[in-house]
Protein backbone atom coordinates (compact mmCIF):
# COMPACT_ATOMS: atom_id res chain seq x y z
CA MET A 1 0.00 0.00 0.00
CA ALA A 2 1.33 3.45 -0.93
CA PRO A 3 1.84 5.93 1.95
CA SER A 4 -0.59 8.82 2.26
CA THR A 5 0.68 12.23 1.16
CA ASP A 6 1.06 13.50 4.75
CA GLN A 7 3.44 10.60 5.54
CA LEU A 8 5.87 11.32 2.69
CA LEU A 9 9.35 12.64 3.45
CA LEU A 10 8.95 16.05 1.80
CA SER A 11 5.29 16.63 2.64
CA GLY A 12 4.69 20.36 3.18
CA VAL A 13 7.87 21.47 1.34
CA ARG A 14 7.33 23.82 -1.64
CA ILE A 15 9.62 23.70 -4.69
CA LEU A 16 9.75 26.38 -7.39
CA ASP A 17 10.83 24.56 -10.58
CA LEU A 18 12.40 26.95 -13.11
CA SER A 19 14.15 24.14 -14.99
CA ARG A 20 13.52 22.86 -18.48
CA VAL A 21 14.28 19.92 -20.77
CA LEU A 22 15.82 17.00 -18.81
CA ALA A 23 17.86 16.97 -15.59
CA GLY A 24 15.94 19.64 -13.64
CA PRO A 25 12.46 18.28 -14.45
CA LEU A 26 13.62 14.77 -13.52
CA CYS A 27 14.94 16.03 -10.18
CA THR A 28 11.75 17.92 -9.35
CA MET A 29 9.65 14.92 -10.43
CA ILE A 30 11.47 12.84 -7.80
CA LEU A 31 10.97 15.58 -5.19
CA GLY A 32 7.25 15.61 -6.07
CA ASP A 33 7.14 11.81 -5.74
CA LEU A 34 8.58 12.25 -2.24
CA GLY A 35 5.68 14.55 -1.31
CA ALA A 36 6.91 18.07 -2.14
CA ASP A 37 4.53 20.62 -3.67
CA VAL A 38 6.25 21.43 -6.98
CA ILE A 39 5.30 24.54 -8.96
CA LYS A 40 6.63 24.31 -12.53
CA VAL A 41 7.12 27.67 -14.22
CA GLU A 42 7.14 27.73 -18.02
CA ARG A 43 7.57 30.43 -20.66
CA PRO A 44 4.27 32.06 -21.70
CA GLY A 45 3.10 30.84 -25.10
CA ALA A 46 5.88 28.34 -25.80
CA GLY A 47 5.97 26.38 -22.56
CA ASP A 48 8.56 23.68 -21.99
CA ASP A 49 10.42 22.42 -25.09
CA THR A 50 9.58 18.82 -24.18
CA ARG A 51 5.85 19.37 -24.87
CA GLY A 52 6.71 18.66 -28.51
CA TRP A 53 9.06 15.69 -28.03
CA GLY A 54 7.31 12.76 -29.58
CA PRO A 55 5.59 10.73 -30.77
CA PRO A 56 3.61 9.54 -28.86
CA PHE A 57 1.29 12.47 -28.11
CA ASP A 58 -1.96 12.71 -26.15
CA ALA A 59 -5.21 14.15 -27.57
CA SER A 60 -4.07 17.69 -26.59
CA GLY A 61 -0.76 17.34 -28.46
CA ARG A 62 1.46 16.95 -25.38
CA SER A 63 4.24 14.37 -25.56
CA ALA A 64 4.29 11.29 -23.35
CA TYR A 65 7.73 12.36 -22.08
CA TYR A 66 6.42 15.77 -21.00
CA LEU A 67 3.42 14.23 -19.22
CA SER A 68 5.51 11.63 -17.38
CA ILE A 69 8.35 13.92 -16.27
CA ASN A 70 5.96 16.64 -15.04
CA ARG A 71 3.65 14.50 -12.96
CA ASN A 72 2.91 15.75 -9.41
CA LYS A 73 3.51 19.36 -10.51
CA LEU A 74 1.36 22.46 -10.69
CA GLY A 75 2.19 24.25 -13.94
CA ILE A 76 2.11 28.02 -14.46
CA ALA A 77 3.41 30.31 -17.20
CA ALA A 78 5.30 33.44 -16.19
CA ALA A 79 7.47 36.03 -17.90
CA VAL A 80 11.04 36.63 -16.70
CA LEU A 81 10.17 40.00 -15.13
CA LEU A 82 7.41 38.38 -13.09
CA LEU A 83 9.81 35.64 -11.95
CA LEU A 84 12.35 38.22 -10.80
CA THR A 85 9.63 40.05 -8.87
CA ILE A 86 8.49 36.83 -7.23
CA ALA A 87 12.07 35.84 -6.35
CA ALA A 88 12.73 39.25 -4.79
CA GLY A 89 9.53 38.97 -2.76
CA VAL A 90 10.35 35.45 -1.59
CA ALA A 91 13.87 36.50 -0.60
CA ALA A 92 12.58 39.54 1.30
CA THR A 93 9.91 37.45 3.05
CA ALA A 94 12.42 34.74 4.01
CA TRP A 95 14.80 37.40 5.37
CA GLN A 96 12.01 39.05 7.42
CA ASP A 97 10.75 35.70 8.72
CA GLU A 98 14.28 34.84 9.83
CA LEU A 99 14.53 38.08 11.82
CA VAL A 100 11.05 37.88 13.35
CA ALA A 101 10.45 34.16 13.85
CA PRO A 102 13.36 31.92 12.81
CA ARG A 103 11.41 28.67 12.82
CA ALA A 104 8.05 29.93 11.52
CA ALA A 105 8.87 30.05 7.79
CA GLN A 106 8.36 27.03 5.56
CA PRO A 107 11.47 26.03 3.59
CA ILE A 108 11.55 26.94 -0.10
CA TRP A 109 13.94 25.06 -2.38
CA TYR A 110 15.07 26.33 -5.77
CA VAL A 111 16.00 23.90 -8.53
CA ARG A 112 17.43 25.19 -11.77
């Protein structure tokens, strides 16, 4: 029997996945399998290059590779300027949390 999601090693950990193509998506797939909440950020319009790697493709035109390597991930599209703004906000929040309550902040891991 598979463990429930609250029993997994990385349950409650959030990962911001800015990677593309092979090694990074594989790494974050494994982190997601271990219970982490993975948010995959892709380029607006184009998305990840691996969407077109095929055949085989699903009915929506996404490749089997893309679907398998990005399981357990929440996908969003964001422009570079938005990503920089988010990263600055996360860094500022983490710094403030450290000063105010060192153990209150949830860990955020970056994979690139």
